[in-house]
Amino acid sequence: MKVERIDHLVLTVNDVEATCDFYRDVLGMEVETVSVRKKALRFGSQRIDLRPKGREFFATAHLTIPGTIDICFVVTESIEQVKSELESKNITIEGVVQRSGGTGKIHSVYFRDPDQNLIEVCSYA
């Protein structure tokens, strides 16, 4: 077996609407209504399914607690542009660093979503 790519991730959240608002308004993701009870965040060919806390079912991680993910999103803009945009949206920035990414050197900015998940936005530029 050889893994080709990630199809989707599942994020357990306290408030689906607040999460949708944050990821749409701050990161420009599309909010997708998958079904009457299910929403997802779409960007490019990727998707993050949203699971409200308390609606877990048999096929879930051992611990499903809001605020337990660290995730990094790649953008094409410079990290200075990202930082400026986040500040204009009153997002508290926890750090700006240069480090090694999946395919080379990246510049990253860190902040939190409504559930306190650590969000990293990085640029290879």
PDB file of N, CA and C in Angstrom:
ATOM      1  N   MET A   1       0.850  -1.181   0.000  1.00  0.00           N
ATOM      2  CA  MET A   1       0.000   0.000   0.000  1.00  0.00           C
ATOM      3  C   MET A   1       0.889   1.236   0.000  1.00  0.00           C
ATOM      4  N   LYS A   2       0.473   2.254  -0.736  1.00  0.00           N
ATOM      5  CA  LYS A   2       1.169   3.533  -0.749  1.00  0.00           C
ATOM      6  C   LYS A   2       0.120   4.644  -0.685  1.00  0.00           C
ATOM      7  N   VAL A   3       0.177   5.429   0.373  1.00  0.00           N
ATOM      8  CA  VAL A   3      -0.789   6.517   0.542  1.00  0.00           C
ATOM      9  C   VAL A   3      -0.501   7.601  -0.490  1.00  0.00           C
ATOM     10  N   GLU A   4      -1.550   8.057  -1.158  1.00  0.00           N
ATOM     11  CA  GLU A   4      -1.427   9.084  -2.196  1.00  0.00           C
ATOM     12  C   GLU A   4      -1.638  10.489  -1.649  1.00  0.00           C
ATOM     13  N   ARG A   5      -2.666  10.673  -0.816  1.00  0.00           N
ATOM     14  CA  ARG A   5      -2.985  12.002  -0.295  1.00  0.00           C
ATOM     15  C   ARG A   5      -4.001  11.869   0.825  1.00  0.00           C
ATOM     16  N   ILE A   6      -4.258  12.955   1.505  1.00  0.00           N
ATOM     17  CA  ILE A   6      -5.318  12.997   2.512  1.00  0.00           C
ATOM     18  C   ILE A   6      -6.602  13.402   1.811  1.00  0.00           C
ATOM     19  N   ASP A   7      -7.664  12.678   2.043  1.00  0.00           N
ATOM     20  CA  ASP A   7      -8.963  13.030   1.467  1.00  0.00           C
ATOM     21  C   ASP A   7      -9.668  14.067   2.329  1.00  0.00           C
ATOM     22  N   HIS A   8      -9.732  13.814   3.643  1.00  0.00           N
ATOM     23  CA  HIS A   8     -10.376  14.755   4.555  1.00  0.00           C
ATOM     24  C   HIS A   8      -9.884  14.522   5.972  1.00  0.00           C
ATOM     25  N   LEU A   9     -10.080  15.514   6.808  1.00  0.00           N
ATOM     26  CA  LEU A   9      -9.830  15.432   8.238  1.00  0.00           C
ATOM     27  C   LEU A   9     -11.146  15.712   8.936  1.00  0.00           C
ATOM     28  N   VAL A  10     -11.277  15.256  10.181  1.00  0.00           N
ATOM     29  CA  VAL A  10     -12.477  15.543  10.964  1.00  0.00           C
ATOM     30  C   VAL A  10     -12.054  16.358  12.178  1.00  0.00           C
ATOM     31  N   LEU A  11     -12.740  17.466  12.370  1.00  0.00           N
ATOM     32  CA  LEU A  11     -12.447  18.368  13.468  1.00  0.00           C
ATOM     33  C   LEU A  11     -13.640  18.378  14.413  1.00  0.00           C
ATOM     34  N   THR A  12     -13.422  18.002  15.671  1.00  0.00           N
ATOM     35  CA  THR A  12     -14.483  18.062  16.675  1.00  0.00           C
ATOM     36  C   THR A  12     -14.544  19.490  17.207  1.00  0.00           C
ATOM     37  N   VAL A  13     -15.748  20.065  17.210  1.00  0.00           N
ATOM     38  CA  VAL A  13     -15.899  21.477  17.567  1.00  0.00           C
ATOM     39  C   VAL A  13     -17.032  21.675  18.572  1.00  0.00           C
ATOM     40  N   ASN A  14     -16.945  22.762  19.319  1.00  0.00           N
ATOM     41  CA  ASN A  14     -18.015  23.119  20.253  1.00  0.00           C
ATOM     42  C   ASN A  14     -19.197  23.752  19.534  1.00  0.00           C
ATOM     43  N   ASP A  15     -18.925  24.570  18.514  1.00  0.00           N
ATOM     44  CA  ASP A  15     -19.966  25.335  17.839  1.00  0.00           C
ATOM     45  C   ASP A  15     -19.682  25.325  16.337  1.00  0.00           C
ATOM     46  N   VAL A  16     -20.444  24.567  15.590  1.00  0.00           N
ATOM     47  CA  VAL A  16     -20.224  24.420  14.146  1.00  0.00           C
ATOM     48  C   VAL A  16     -20.315  25.768  13.436  1.00  0.00           C
ATOM     49  N   GLU A  17     -21.303  26.576  13.758  1.00  0.00           N
ATOM     50  CA  GLU A  17     -21.476  27.861  13.071  1.00  0.00           C
ATOM     51  C   GLU A  17     -20.316  28.815  13.347  1.00  0.00           C
ATOM     52  N   ALA A  18     -19.860  28.878  14.598  1.00  0.00           N
ATOM     53  CA  ALA A  18     -18.722  29.741  14.934  1.00  0.00           C
ATOM     54  C   ALA A  18     -17.464  29.270  14.204  1.00  0.00           C
ATOM     55  N   THR A  19     -17.305  27.963  14.104  1.00  0.00           N
ATOM     56  CA  THR A  19     -16.162  27.406  13.387  1.00  0.00           C
ATOM     57  C   THR A  19     -16.245  27.738  11.906  1.00  0.00           C
ATOM     58  N   CYS A  20     -17.428  27.580  11.320  1.00  0.00           N
ATOM     59  CA  CYS A  20     -17.618  27.923   9.899  1.00  0.00           C
ATOM     60  C   CYS A  20     -17.307  29.392   9.665  1.00  0.00           C
ATOM     61  N   ASP A  21     -17.827  30.262  10.521  1.00  0.00           N
ATOM     62  CA  ASP A  21     -17.578  31.698  10.377  1.00  0.00           C
ATOM     63  C   ASP A  21     -16.085  32.002  10.419  1.00  0.00           C
ATOM     64  N   PHE A  22     -15.364  31.415  11.381  1.00  0.00           N
ATOM     65  CA  PHE A  22     -13.940  31.671  11.537  1.00  0.00           C
ATOM     66  C   PHE A  22     -13.157  31.230  10.301  1.00  0.00           C
ATOM     67  N   TYR A  23     -13.333  29.993   9.894  1.00  0.00           N
ATOM     68  CA  TYR A  23     -12.544  29.469   8.772  1.00  0.00           C
ATOM     69  C   TYR A  23     -12.921  30.134   7.443  1.00  0.00           C
ATOM     70  N   ARG A  24     -14.173  30.536   7.287  1.00  0.00           N
ATOM     71  CA  ARG A  24     -14.591  31.256   6.086  1.00  0.00           C
ATOM     72  C   ARG A  24     -14.033  32.679   6.107  1.00  0.00           C
ATOM     73  N   ASP A  25     -14.241  33.391   7.211  1.00  0.00           N
ATOM     74  CA  ASP A  25     -13.883  34.802   7.281  1.00  0.00           C
ATOM     75  C   ASP A  25     -12.381  35.040   7.435  1.00  0.00           C
ATOM     76  N   VAL A  26     -11.692  34.178   8.155  1.00  0.00           N
ATOM     77  CA  VAL A  26     -10.261  34.386   8.403  1.00  0.00           C
ATOM     78  C   VAL A  26      -9.399  33.704   7.347  1.00  0.00           C
ATOM     79  N   LEU A  27      -9.741  32.464   6.977  1.00  0.00           N
ATOM     80  CA  LEU A  27      -8.894  31.711   6.055  1.00  0.00           C
ATOM     81  C   LEU A  27      -9.481  31.545   4.658  1.00  0.00           C
ATOM     82  N   GLY A  28     -10.662  32.101   4.426  1.00  0.00           N
ATOM     83  CA  GLY A  28     -11.236  32.074   3.086  1.00  0.00           C
ATOM     84  C   GLY A  28     -11.725  30.716   2.609  1.00  0.00           C
ATOM     85  N   MET A  29     -12.009  29.816   3.530  1.00  0.00           N
ATOM     86  CA  MET A  29     -12.497  28.497   3.149  1.00  0.00           C
ATOM     87  C   MET A  29     -13.980  28.559   2.795  1.00  0.00           C
ATOM     88  N   GLU A  30     -14.401  27.641   1.959  1.00  0.00           N
ATOM     89  CA  GLU A  30     -15.807  27.541   1.576  1.00  0.00           C
ATOM     90  C   GLU A  30     -16.516  26.644   2.580  1.00  0.00           C
ATOM     91  N   VAL A  31     -17.674  27.068   3.046  1.00  0.00           N
ATOM     92  CA  VAL A  31     -18.492  26.251   3.940  1.00  0.00           C
ATOM     93  C   VAL A  31     -19.418  25.417   3.070  1.00  0.00           C
ATOM     94  N   GLU A  32     -19.362  24.115   3.246  1.00  0.00           N
ATOM     95  CA  GLU A  32     -20.168  23.185   2.455  1.00  0.00           C
ATOM     96  C   GLU A  32     -21.183  22.495   3.359  1.00  0.00           C
ATOM     97  N   THR A  33     -22.441  22.500   2.956  1.00  0.00           N
ATOM     98  CA  THR A  33     -23.458  21.743   3.681  1.00  0.00           C
ATOM     99  C   THR A  33     -23.507  20.362   3.051  1.00  0.00           C
ATOM    100  N   VAL A  34     -22.995  19.382   3.769  1.00  0.00           N
ATOM    101  CA  VAL A  34     -22.911  18.012   3.269  1.00  0.00           C
ATOM    102  C   VAL A  34     -24.262  17.327   3.395  1.00  0.00           C
ATOM    103  N   SER A  35     -24.932  17.561   4.519  1.00  0.00           N
ATOM    104  CA  SER A  35     -26.270  17.028   4.762  1.00  0.00           C
ATOM    105  C   SER A  35     -26.941  17.942   5.773  1.00  0.00           C
ATOM    106  N   VAL A  36     -28.139  17.614   6.150  1.00  0.00           N
ATOM    107  CA  VAL A  36     -28.878  18.429   7.118  1.00  0.00           C
ATOM    108  C   VAL A  36     -28.103  18.553   8.429  1.00  0.00           C
ATOM    109  N   ARG A  37     -27.390  17.508   8.805  1.00  0.00           N
ATOM    110  CA  ARG A  37     -26.678  17.487  10.088  1.00  0.00           C
ATOM    111  C   ARG A  37     -25.166  17.649   9.958  1.00  0.00           C
ATOM    112  N   LYS A  38     -24.653  17.848   8.750  1.00  0.00           N
ATOM    113  CA  LYS A  38     -23.203  17.837   8.581  1.00  0.00           C
ATOM    114  C   LYS A  38     -22.710  18.989   7.710  1.00  0.00           C
ATOM    115  N   LYS A  39     -21.686  19.698   8.223  1.00  0.00           N
ATOM    116  CA  LYS A  39     -21.031  20.755   7.466  1.00  0.00           C
ATOM    117  C   LYS A  39     -19.550  20.443   7.358  1.00  0.00           C
ATOM    118  N   ALA A  40     -18.956  21.018   6.331  1.00  0.00           N
ATOM    119  CA  ALA A  40     -17.527  20.826   6.104  1.00  0.00           C
ATOM    120  C   ALA A  40     -16.925  22.126   5.600  1.00  0.00           C
ATOM    121  N   LEU A  41     -15.611  22.193   5.699  1.00  0.00           N
ATOM    122  CA  LEU A  41     -14.849  23.326   5.186  1.00  0.00           C
ATOM    123  C   LEU A  41     -14.047  22.829   3.999  1.00  0.00           C
ATOM    124  N   ARG A  42     -14.138  23.536   2.880  1.00  0.00           N
ATOM    125  CA  ARG A  42     -13.447  23.104   1.672  1.00  0.00           C
ATOM    126  C   ARG A  42     -12.460  24.173   1.226  1.00  0.00           C
ATOM    127  N   PHE A  43     -11.286  23.714   0.827  1.00  0.00           N
ATOM    128  CA  PHE A  43     -10.265  24.587   0.247  1.00  0.00           C
ATOM    129  C   PHE A  43      -9.471  23.743  -0.734  1.00  0.00           C
ATOM    130  N   GLY A  44      -9.384  24.230  -1.985  1.00  0.00           N
ATOM    131  CA  GLY A  44      -8.742  23.427  -3.024  1.00  0.00           C
ATOM    132  C   GLY A  44      -9.449  22.088  -3.145  1.00  0.00           C
ATOM    133  N   SER A  45      -8.690  21.012  -3.158  1.00  0.00           N
ATOM    134  CA  SER A  45      -9.282  19.676  -3.231  1.00  0.00           C
ATOM    135  C   SER A  45      -9.328  19.011  -1.858  1.00  0.00           C
ATOM    136  N   GLN A  46      -9.203  19.798  -0.805  1.00  0.00           N
ATOM    137  CA  GLN A  46      -9.187  19.285   0.563  1.00  0.00           C
ATOM    138  C   GLN A  46     -10.496  19.612   1.276  1.00  0.00           C
ATOM    139  N   ARG A  47     -10.796  18.810   2.299  1.00  0.00           N
ATOM    140  CA  ARG A  47     -12.005  19.058   3.071  1.00  0.00           C
ATOM    141  C   ARG A  47     -11.764  18.722   4.537  1.00  0.00           C
ATOM    142  N   ILE A  48     -12.325  19.565   5.402  1.00  0.00           N
ATOM    143  CA  ILE A  48     -12.332  19.306   6.838  1.00  0.00           C
ATOM    144  C   ILE A  48     -13.792  19.129   7.229  1.00  0.00           C
ATOM    145  N   ASP A  49     -14.147  17.931   7.671  1.00  0.00           N
ATOM    146  CA  ASP A  49     -15.503  17.679   8.151  1.00  0.00           C
ATOM    147  C   ASP A  49     -15.606  18.174   9.586  1.00  0.00           C
ATOM    148  N   LEU A  50     -16.734  18.759   9.937  1.00  0.00           N
ATOM    149  CA  LEU A  50     -16.945  19.275  11.281  1.00  0.00           C
ATOM    150  C   LEU A  50     -17.879  18.364  12.054  1.00  0.00           C
ATOM    151  N   ARG A  51     -17.442  17.958  13.236  1.00  0.00           N
ATOM    152  CA  ARG A  51     -18.253  17.095  14.095  1.00  0.00           C
ATOM    153  C   ARG A  51     -18.527  17.835  15.396  1.00  0.00           C
ATOM    154  N   PRO A  52     -19.791  18.123  15.682  1.00  0.00           N
ATOM    155  CA  PRO A  52     -20.105  18.778  16.960  1.00  0.00           C
ATOM    156  C   PRO A  52     -19.768  17.864  18.133  1.00  0.00           C
ATOM    157  N   LYS A  53     -19.167  18.420  19.161  1.00  0.00           N
ATOM    158  CA  LYS A  53     -18.873  17.662  20.379  1.00  0.00           C
ATOM    159  C   LYS A  53     -20.155  17.006  20.863  1.00  0.00           C
ATOM    160  N   GLY A  54     -20.084  15.721  21.183  1.00  0.00           N
ATOM    161  CA  GLY A  54     -21.242  14.977  21.658  1.00  0.00           C
ATOM    162  C   GLY A  54     -21.953  14.201  20.567  1.00  0.00           C
ATOM    163  N   ARG A  55     -21.568  14.378  19.312  1.00  0.00           N
ATOM    164  CA  ARG A  55     -22.194  13.643  18.207  1.00  0.00           C
ATOM    165  C   ARG A  55     -21.226  12.637  17.587  1.00  0.00           C
ATOM    166  N   GLU A  56     -20.352  12.086  18.434  1.00  0.00           N
ATOM    167  CA  GLU A  56     -19.421  11.081  17.958  1.00  0.00           C
ATOM    168  C   GLU A  56     -20.182   9.798  17.633  1.00  0.00           C
ATOM    169  N   PHE A  57     -19.595   8.983  16.780  1.00  0.00           N
ATOM    170  CA  PHE A  57     -20.185   7.682  16.482  1.00  0.00           C
ATOM    171  C   PHE A  57     -19.072   6.655  16.466  1.00  0.00           C
ATOM    172  N   PHE A  58     -19.342   5.432  16.082  1.00  0.00           N
ATOM    173  CA  PHE A  58     -18.393   4.341  16.237  1.00  0.00           C
ATOM    174  C   PHE A  58     -17.051   4.575  15.539  1.00  0.00           C
ATOM    175  N   ALA A  59     -17.039   5.217  14.405  1.00  0.00           N
ATOM    176  CA  ALA A  59     -15.796   5.420  13.654  1.00  0.00           C
ATOM    177  C   ALA A  59     -15.218   6.786  13.981  1.00  0.00           C
ATOM    178  N   THR A  60     -14.571   6.872  15.137  1.00  0.00           N
ATOM    179  CA  THR A  60     -14.015   8.149  15.571  1.00  0.00           C
ATOM    180  C   THR A  60     -12.714   7.901  16.318  1.00  0.00           C
ATOM    181  N   ALA A  61     -11.941   8.945  16.504  1.00  0.00           N
ATOM    182  CA  ALA A  61     -10.700   8.838  17.262  1.00  0.00           C
ATOM    183  C   ALA A  61     -10.999   8.438  18.701  1.00  0.00           C
ATOM    184  N   HIS A  62     -10.006   7.934  19.381  1.00  0.00           N
ATOM    185  CA  HIS A  62     -10.176   7.509  20.770  1.00  0.00           C
ATOM    186  C   HIS A  62     -10.635   8.675  21.647  1.00  0.00           C
ATOM    187  N   LEU A  63     -10.034   9.846  21.468  1.00  0.00           N
ATOM    188  CA  LEU A  63     -10.420  11.046  22.206  1.00  0.00           C
ATOM    189  C   LEU A  63     -10.893  12.089  21.205  1.00  0.00           C
ATOM    190  N   THR A  64     -12.106  12.546  21.363  1.00  0.00           N
ATOM    191  CA  THR A  64     -12.648  13.586  20.478  1.00  0.00           C
ATOM    192  C   THR A  64     -12.978  14.812  21.319  1.00  0.00           C
ATOM    193  N   ILE A  65     -11.992  15.675  21.423  1.00  0.00           N
ATOM    194  CA  ILE A  65     -12.113  16.855  22.269  1.00  0.00           C
ATOM    195  C   ILE A  65     -11.795  18.089  21.426  1.00  0.00           C
ATOM    196  N   PRO A  66     -12.662  19.095  21.436  1.00  0.00           N
ATOM    197  CA  PRO A  66     -12.340  20.327  20.718  1.00  0.00           C
ATOM    198  C   PRO A  66     -11.017  20.919  21.224  1.00  0.00           C
ATOM    199  N   GLY A  67     -10.238  21.449  20.313  1.00  0.00           N
ATOM    200  CA  GLY A  67      -8.998  22.113  20.686  1.00  0.00           C
ATOM    201  C   GLY A  67      -7.791  21.200  20.766  1.00  0.00           C
ATOM    202  N   THR A  68      -7.830  20.047  20.116  1.00  0.00           N
ATOM    203  CA  THR A  68      -6.722  19.098  20.230  1.00  0.00           C
ATOM    204  C   THR A  68      -5.946  18.880  18.934  1.00  0.00           C
ATOM    205  N   ILE A  69      -6.077  19.785  17.978  1.00  0.00           N
ATOM    206  CA  ILE A  69      -5.366  19.601  16.724  1.00  0.00           C
ATOM    207  C   ILE A  69      -4.408  20.771  16.484  1.00  0.00           C
ATOM    208  N   ASP A  70      -3.271  20.460  15.923  1.00  0.00           N
ATOM    209  CA  ASP A  70      -2.342  21.457  15.394  1.00  0.00           C
ATOM    210  C   ASP A  70      -2.332  21.199  13.898  1.00  0.00           C
ATOM    211  N   ILE A  71      -2.640  22.193  13.096  1.00  0.00           N
ATOM    212  CA  ILE A  71      -2.717  21.988  11.656  1.00  0.00           C
ATOM    213  C   ILE A  71      -2.037  23.146  10.938  1.00  0.00           C
ATOM    214  N   CYS A  72      -1.383  22.839   9.828  1.00  0.00           N
ATOM    215  CA  CYS A  72      -0.675  23.844   9.054  1.00  0.00           C
ATOM    216  C   CYS A  72      -1.259  23.935   7.651  1.00  0.00           C
ATOM    217  N   PHE A  73      -1.611  25.140   7.241  1.00  0.00           N
ATOM    218  CA  PHE A  73      -2.125  25.392   5.901  1.00  0.00           C
ATOM    219  C   PHE A  73      -1.077  26.171   5.114  1.00  0.00           C
ATOM    220  N   VAL A  74      -0.846  25.780   3.866  1.00  0.00           N
ATOM    221  CA  VAL A  74       0.106  26.458   2.992  1.00  0.00           C
ATOM    222  C   VAL A  74      -0.632  27.519   2.186  1.00  0.00           C
ATOM    223  N   VAL A  75      -0.060  28.719   2.116  1.00  0.00           N
ATOM    224  CA  VAL A  75      -0.616  29.802   1.310  1.00  0.00           C
ATOM    225  C   VAL A  75       0.441  30.280   0.317  1.00  0.00           C
ATOM    226  N   THR A  76      -0.009  30.993  -0.703  1.00  0.00           N
ATOM    227  CA  THR A  76       0.929  31.513  -1.703  1.00  0.00           C
ATOM    228  C   THR A  76       1.440  32.902  -1.351  1.00  0.00           C
ATOM    229  N   GLU A  77       0.713  33.623  -0.501  1.00  0.00           N
ATOM    230  CA  GLU A  77       1.122  34.965  -0.093  1.00  0.00           C
ATOM    231  C   GLU A  77       2.359  34.892   0.815  1.00  0.00           C
ATOM    232  N   SER A  78       3.047  36.012   0.938  1.00  0.00           N
ATOM    233  CA  SER A  78       4.170  36.084   1.879  1.00  0.00           C
ATOM    234  C   SER A  78       3.619  36.058   3.298  1.00  0.00           C
ATOM    235  N   ILE A  79       4.437  35.656   4.236  1.00  0.00           N
ATOM    236  CA  ILE A  79       3.989  35.579   5.622  1.00  0.00           C
ATOM    237  C   ILE A  79       3.722  36.987   6.165  1.00  0.00           C
ATOM    238  N   GLU A  80       4.387  38.002   5.637  1.00  0.00           N
ATOM    239  CA  GLU A  80       4.123  39.380   6.042  1.00  0.00           C
ATOM    240  C   GLU A  80       2.708  39.790   5.640  1.00  0.00           C
ATOM    241  N   GLN A  81       2.280  39.386   4.431  1.00  0.00           N
ATOM    242  CA  GLN A  81       0.915  39.676   3.987  1.00  0.00           C
ATOM    243  C   GLN A  81      -0.097  38.951   4.870  1.00  0.00           C
ATOM    244  N   VAL A  82       0.185  37.695   5.198  1.00  0.00           N
ATOM    245  CA  VAL A  82      -0.709  36.904   6.057  1.00  0.00           C
ATOM    246  C   VAL A  82      -0.825  37.559   7.423  1.00  0.00           C
ATOM    247  N   LYS A  83       0.302  37.921   8.001  1.00  0.00           N
ATOM    248  CA  LYS A  83       0.318  38.553   9.320  1.00  0.00           C
ATOM    249  C   LYS A  83      -0.502  39.847   9.299  1.00  0.00           C
ATOM    250  N   SER A  84      -0.318  40.652   8.282  1.00  0.00           N
ATOM    251  CA  SER A  84      -1.055  41.909   8.157  1.00  0.00           C
ATOM    252  C   SER A  84      -2.563  41.667   8.050  1.00  0.00           C
ATOM    253  N   GLU A  85      -2.946  40.676   7.251  1.00  0.00           N
ATOM    254  CA  GLU A  85      -4.373  40.360   7.098  1.00  0.00           C
ATOM    255  C   GLU A  85      -4.968  39.866   8.411  1.00  0.00           C
ATOM    256  N   LEU A  86      -4.255  39.004   9.124  1.00  0.00           N
ATOM    257  CA  LEU A  86      -4.747  38.502  10.406  1.00  0.00           C
ATOM    258  C   LEU A  86      -4.919  39.644  11.405  1.00  0.00           C
ATOM    259  N   GLU A  87      -3.941  40.539  11.455  1.00  0.00           N
ATOM    260  CA  GLU A  87      -4.028  41.681  12.367  1.00  0.00           C
ATOM    261  C   GLU A  87      -5.220  42.563  12.016  1.00  0.00           C
ATOM    262  N   SER A  88      -5.512  42.727  10.717  1.00  0.00           N
ATOM    263  CA  SER A  88      -6.653  43.554  10.317  1.00  0.00           C
ATOM    264  C   SER A  88      -7.982  42.914  10.719  1.00  0.00           C
ATOM    265  N   LYS A  89      -7.959  41.591  10.960  1.00  0.00           N
ATOM    266  CA  LYS A  89      -9.161  40.866  11.387  1.00  0.00           C
ATOM    267  C   LYS A  89      -9.164  40.629  12.893  1.00  0.00           C
ATOM    268  N   ASN A  90      -8.255  41.321  13.597  1.00  0.00           N
ATOM    269  CA  ASN A  90      -8.142  41.230  15.066  1.00  0.00           C
ATOM    270  C   ASN A  90      -7.871  39.824  15.570  1.00  0.00           C
ATOM    271  N   ILE A  91      -7.087  39.067  14.820  1.00  0.00           N
ATOM    272  CA  ILE A  91      -6.683  37.730  15.241  1.00  0.00           C
ATOM    273  C   ILE A  91      -5.387  37.846  16.035  1.00  0.00           C
ATOM    274  N   THR A  92      -5.352  37.277  17.233  1.00  0.00           N
ATOM    275  CA  THR A  92      -4.162  37.307  18.072  1.00  0.00           C
ATOM    276  C   THR A  92      -3.121  36.342  17.512  1.00  0.00           C
ATOM    277  N   ILE A  93      -1.967  36.874  17.195  1.00  0.00           N
ATOM    278  CA  ILE A  93      -0.878  36.065  16.645  1.00  0.00           C
ATOM    279  C   ILE A  93       0.005  35.594  17.786  1.00  0.00           C
ATOM    280  N   GLU A  94       0.271  34.281  17.819  1.00  0.00           N
ATOM    281  CA  GLU A  94       1.071  33.712  18.895  1.00  0.00           C
ATOM    282  C   GLU A  94       2.540  33.604  18.544  1.00  0.00           C
ATOM    283  N   GLY A  95       2.866  33.679  17.278  1.00  0.00           N
ATOM    284  CA  GLY A  95       4.266  33.594  16.901  1.00  0.00           C
ATOM    285  C   GLY A  95       4.444  33.638  15.402  1.00  0.00           C
ATOM    286  N   VAL A  96       5.629  34.086  14.992  1.00  0.00           N
ATOM    287  CA  VAL A  96       6.024  34.090  13.593  1.00  0.00           C
ATOM    288  C   VAL A  96       7.429  33.487  13.566  1.00  0.00           C
ATOM    289  N   VAL A  97       7.605  32.401  12.818  1.00  0.00           N
ATOM    290  CA  VAL A  97       8.896  31.701  12.821  1.00  0.00           C
ATOM    291  C   VAL A  97       9.286  31.261  11.413  1.00  0.00           C
ATOM    292  N   GLN A  98      10.555  30.940  11.290  1.00  0.00           N
ATOM    293  CA  GLN A  98      11.070  30.315  10.079  1.00  0.00           C
ATOM    294  C   GLN A  98      11.506  28.923  10.497  1.00  0.00           C
ATOM    295  N   ARG A  99      11.105  27.914   9.688  1.00  0.00           N
ATOM    296  CA  ARG A  99      11.434  26.536  10.072  1.00  0.00           C
ATOM    297  C   ARG A  99      11.421  25.644   8.849  1.00  0.00           C
ATOM    298  N   SER A 100      11.546  24.368   9.070  1.00  0.00           N
ATOM    299  CA  SER A 100      11.531  23.391   7.988  1.00  0.00           C
ATOM    300  C   SER A 100      10.119  22.849   7.813  1.00  0.00           C
ATOM    301  N   GLY A 101       9.621  22.895   6.577  1.00  0.00           N
ATOM    302  CA  GLY A 101       8.301  22.360   6.269  1.00  0.00           C
ATOM    303  C   GLY A 101       8.415  21.016   5.570  1.00  0.00           C
ATOM    304  N   GLY A 102       7.299  20.549   5.039  1.00  0.00           N
ATOM    305  CA  GLY A 102       7.269  19.247   4.384  1.00  0.00           C
ATOM    306  C   GLY A 102       8.146  19.136   3.155  1.00  0.00           C
ATOM    307  N   THR A 103       8.349  20.258   2.443  1.00  0.00           N
ATOM    308  CA  THR A 103       9.160  20.207   1.221  1.00  0.00           C
ATOM    309  C   THR A 103      10.214  21.295   1.170  1.00  0.00           C
ATOM    310  N   GLY A 104      10.578  21.872   2.310  1.00  0.00           N
ATOM    311  CA  GLY A 104      11.619  22.896   2.326  1.00  0.00           C
ATOM    312  C   GLY A 104      11.419  23.922   3.419  1.00  0.00           C
ATOM    313  N   LYS A 105      12.125  25.037   3.300  1.00  0.00           N
ATOM    314  CA  LYS A 105      12.082  26.087   4.303  1.00  0.00           C
ATOM    315  C   LYS A 105      10.770  26.870   4.202  1.00  0.00           C
ATOM    316  N   ILE A 106      10.133  27.091   5.353  1.00  0.00           N
ATOM    317  CA  ILE A 106       8.878  27.839   5.390  1.00  0.00           C
ATOM    318  C   ILE A 106       8.963  28.980   6.400  1.00  0.00           C
ATOM    319  N   HIS A 107       8.102  29.954   6.201  1.00  0.00           N
ATOM    320  CA  HIS A 107       7.854  31.019   7.164  1.00  0.00           C
ATOM    321  C   HIS A 107       6.424  30.809   7.646  1.00  0.00           C
ATOM    322  N   SER A 108       6.245  30.794   8.974  1.00  0.00           N
ATOM    323  CA  SER A 108       4.934  30.471   9.537  1.00  0.00           C
ATOM    324  C   SER A 108       4.448  31.515  10.520  1.00  0.00           C
ATOM    325  N   VAL A 109       3.125  31.616  10.611  1.00  0.00           N
ATOM    326  CA  VAL A 109       2.476  32.423  11.633  1.00  0.00           C
ATOM    327  C   VAL A 109       1.481  31.511  12.353  1.00  0.00           C
ATOM    328  N   TYR A 110       1.413  31.652  13.681  1.00  0.00           N
ATOM    329  CA  TYR A 110       0.562  30.799  14.512  1.00  0.00           C
ATOM    330  C   TYR A 110      -0.528  31.619  15.183  1.00  0.00           C
ATOM    331  N   PHE A 111      -1.728  31.016  15.260  1.00  0.00           N
ATOM    332  CA  PHE A 111      -2.857  31.632  15.954  1.00  0.00           C
ATOM    333  C   PHE A 111      -3.844  30.531  16.303  1.00  0.00           C
ATOM    334  N   ARG A 112      -4.945  30.868  16.958  1.00  0.00           N
ATOM    335  CA  ARG A 112      -5.915  29.869  17.435  1.00  0.00           C
ATOM    336  C   ARG A 112      -7.284  30.085  16.804  1.00  0.00           C
ATOM    337  N   ASP A 113      -8.007  28.967  16.623  1.00  0.00           N
ATOM    338  CA  ASP A 113      -9.389  29.050  16.149  1.00  0.00           C
ATOM    339  C   ASP A 113     -10.319  29.138  17.361  1.00  0.00           C
ATOM    340  N   PRO A 114     -11.649  29.190  17.168  1.00  0.00           N
ATOM    341  CA  PRO A 114     -12.563  29.353  18.308  1.00  0.00           C
ATOM    342  C   PRO A 114     -12.480  28.240  19.361  1.00  0.00           C
ATOM    343  N   ASP A 115     -12.015  27.035  18.977  1.00  0.00           N
ATOM    344  CA  ASP A 115     -11.878  25.944  19.944  1.00  0.00           C
ATOM    345  C   ASP A 115     -10.476  25.841  20.525  1.00  0.00           C
ATOM    346  N   GLN A 116      -9.626  26.809  20.203  1.00  0.00           N
ATOM    347  CA  GLN A 116      -8.245  26.855  20.666  1.00  0.00           C
ATOM    348  C   GLN A 116      -7.324  25.850  19.970  1.00  0.00           C
ATOM    349  N   ASN A 117      -7.743  25.334  18.808  1.00  0.00           N
ATOM    350  CA  ASN A 117      -6.830  24.541  17.997  1.00  0.00           C
ATOM    351  C   ASN A 117      -5.724  25.469  17.522  1.00  0.00           C
ATOM    352  N   LEU A 118      -4.502  24.948  17.430  1.00  0.00           N
ATOM    353  CA  LEU A 118      -3.386  25.751  16.949  1.00  0.00           C
ATOM    354  C   LEU A 118      -3.375  25.727  15.423  1.00  0.00           C
ATOM    355  N   ILE A 119      -3.491  26.902  14.838  1.00  0.00           N
ATOM    356  CA  ILE A 119      -3.502  27.034  13.384  1.00  0.00           C
ATOM    357  C   ILE A 119      -2.161  27.644  12.974  1.00  0.00           C
ATOM    358  N   GLU A 120      -1.503  26.977  12.050  1.00  0.00           N
ATOM    359  CA  GLU A 120      -0.272  27.492  11.467  1.00  0.00           C
ATOM    360  C   GLU A 120      -0.552  27.765  10.004  1.00  0.00           C
ATOM    361  N   VAL A 121      -0.207  28.945   9.544  1.00  0.00           N
ATOM    362  CA  VAL A 121      -0.287  29.267   8.122  1.00  0.00           C
ATOM    363  C   VAL A 121       1.150  29.506   7.685  1.00  0.00           C
ATOM    364  N   CYS A 122       1.555  28.796   6.634  1.00  0.00           N
ATOM    365  CA  CYS A 122       2.939  28.915   6.206  1.00  0.00           C
ATOM    366  C   CYS A 122       3.042  29.272   4.737  1.00  0.00           C
ATOM    367  N   SER A 123       4.201  29.826   4.399  1.00  0.00           N
ATOM    368  CA  SER A 123       4.487  30.204   3.024  1.00  0.00           C
ATOM    369  C   SER A 123       5.890  29.719   2.680  1.00  0.00           C
ATOM    370  N   TYR A 124       6.022  29.156   1.511  1.00  0.00           N
ATOM    371  CA  TYR A 124       7.339  28.754   1.002  1.00  0.00           C
ATOM    372  C   TYR A 124       8.014  29.919   0.296  1.00  0.00           C
ATOM    373  N   ALA A 125       7.286  31.045   0.147  1.00  0.00           N
ATOM    374  CA  ALA A 125       7.823  32.218  -0.562  1.00  0.00           C
ATOM    375  C   ALA A 125       8.825  32.952   0.298  1.00  0.00           C
TER     376      ALA A 125
END
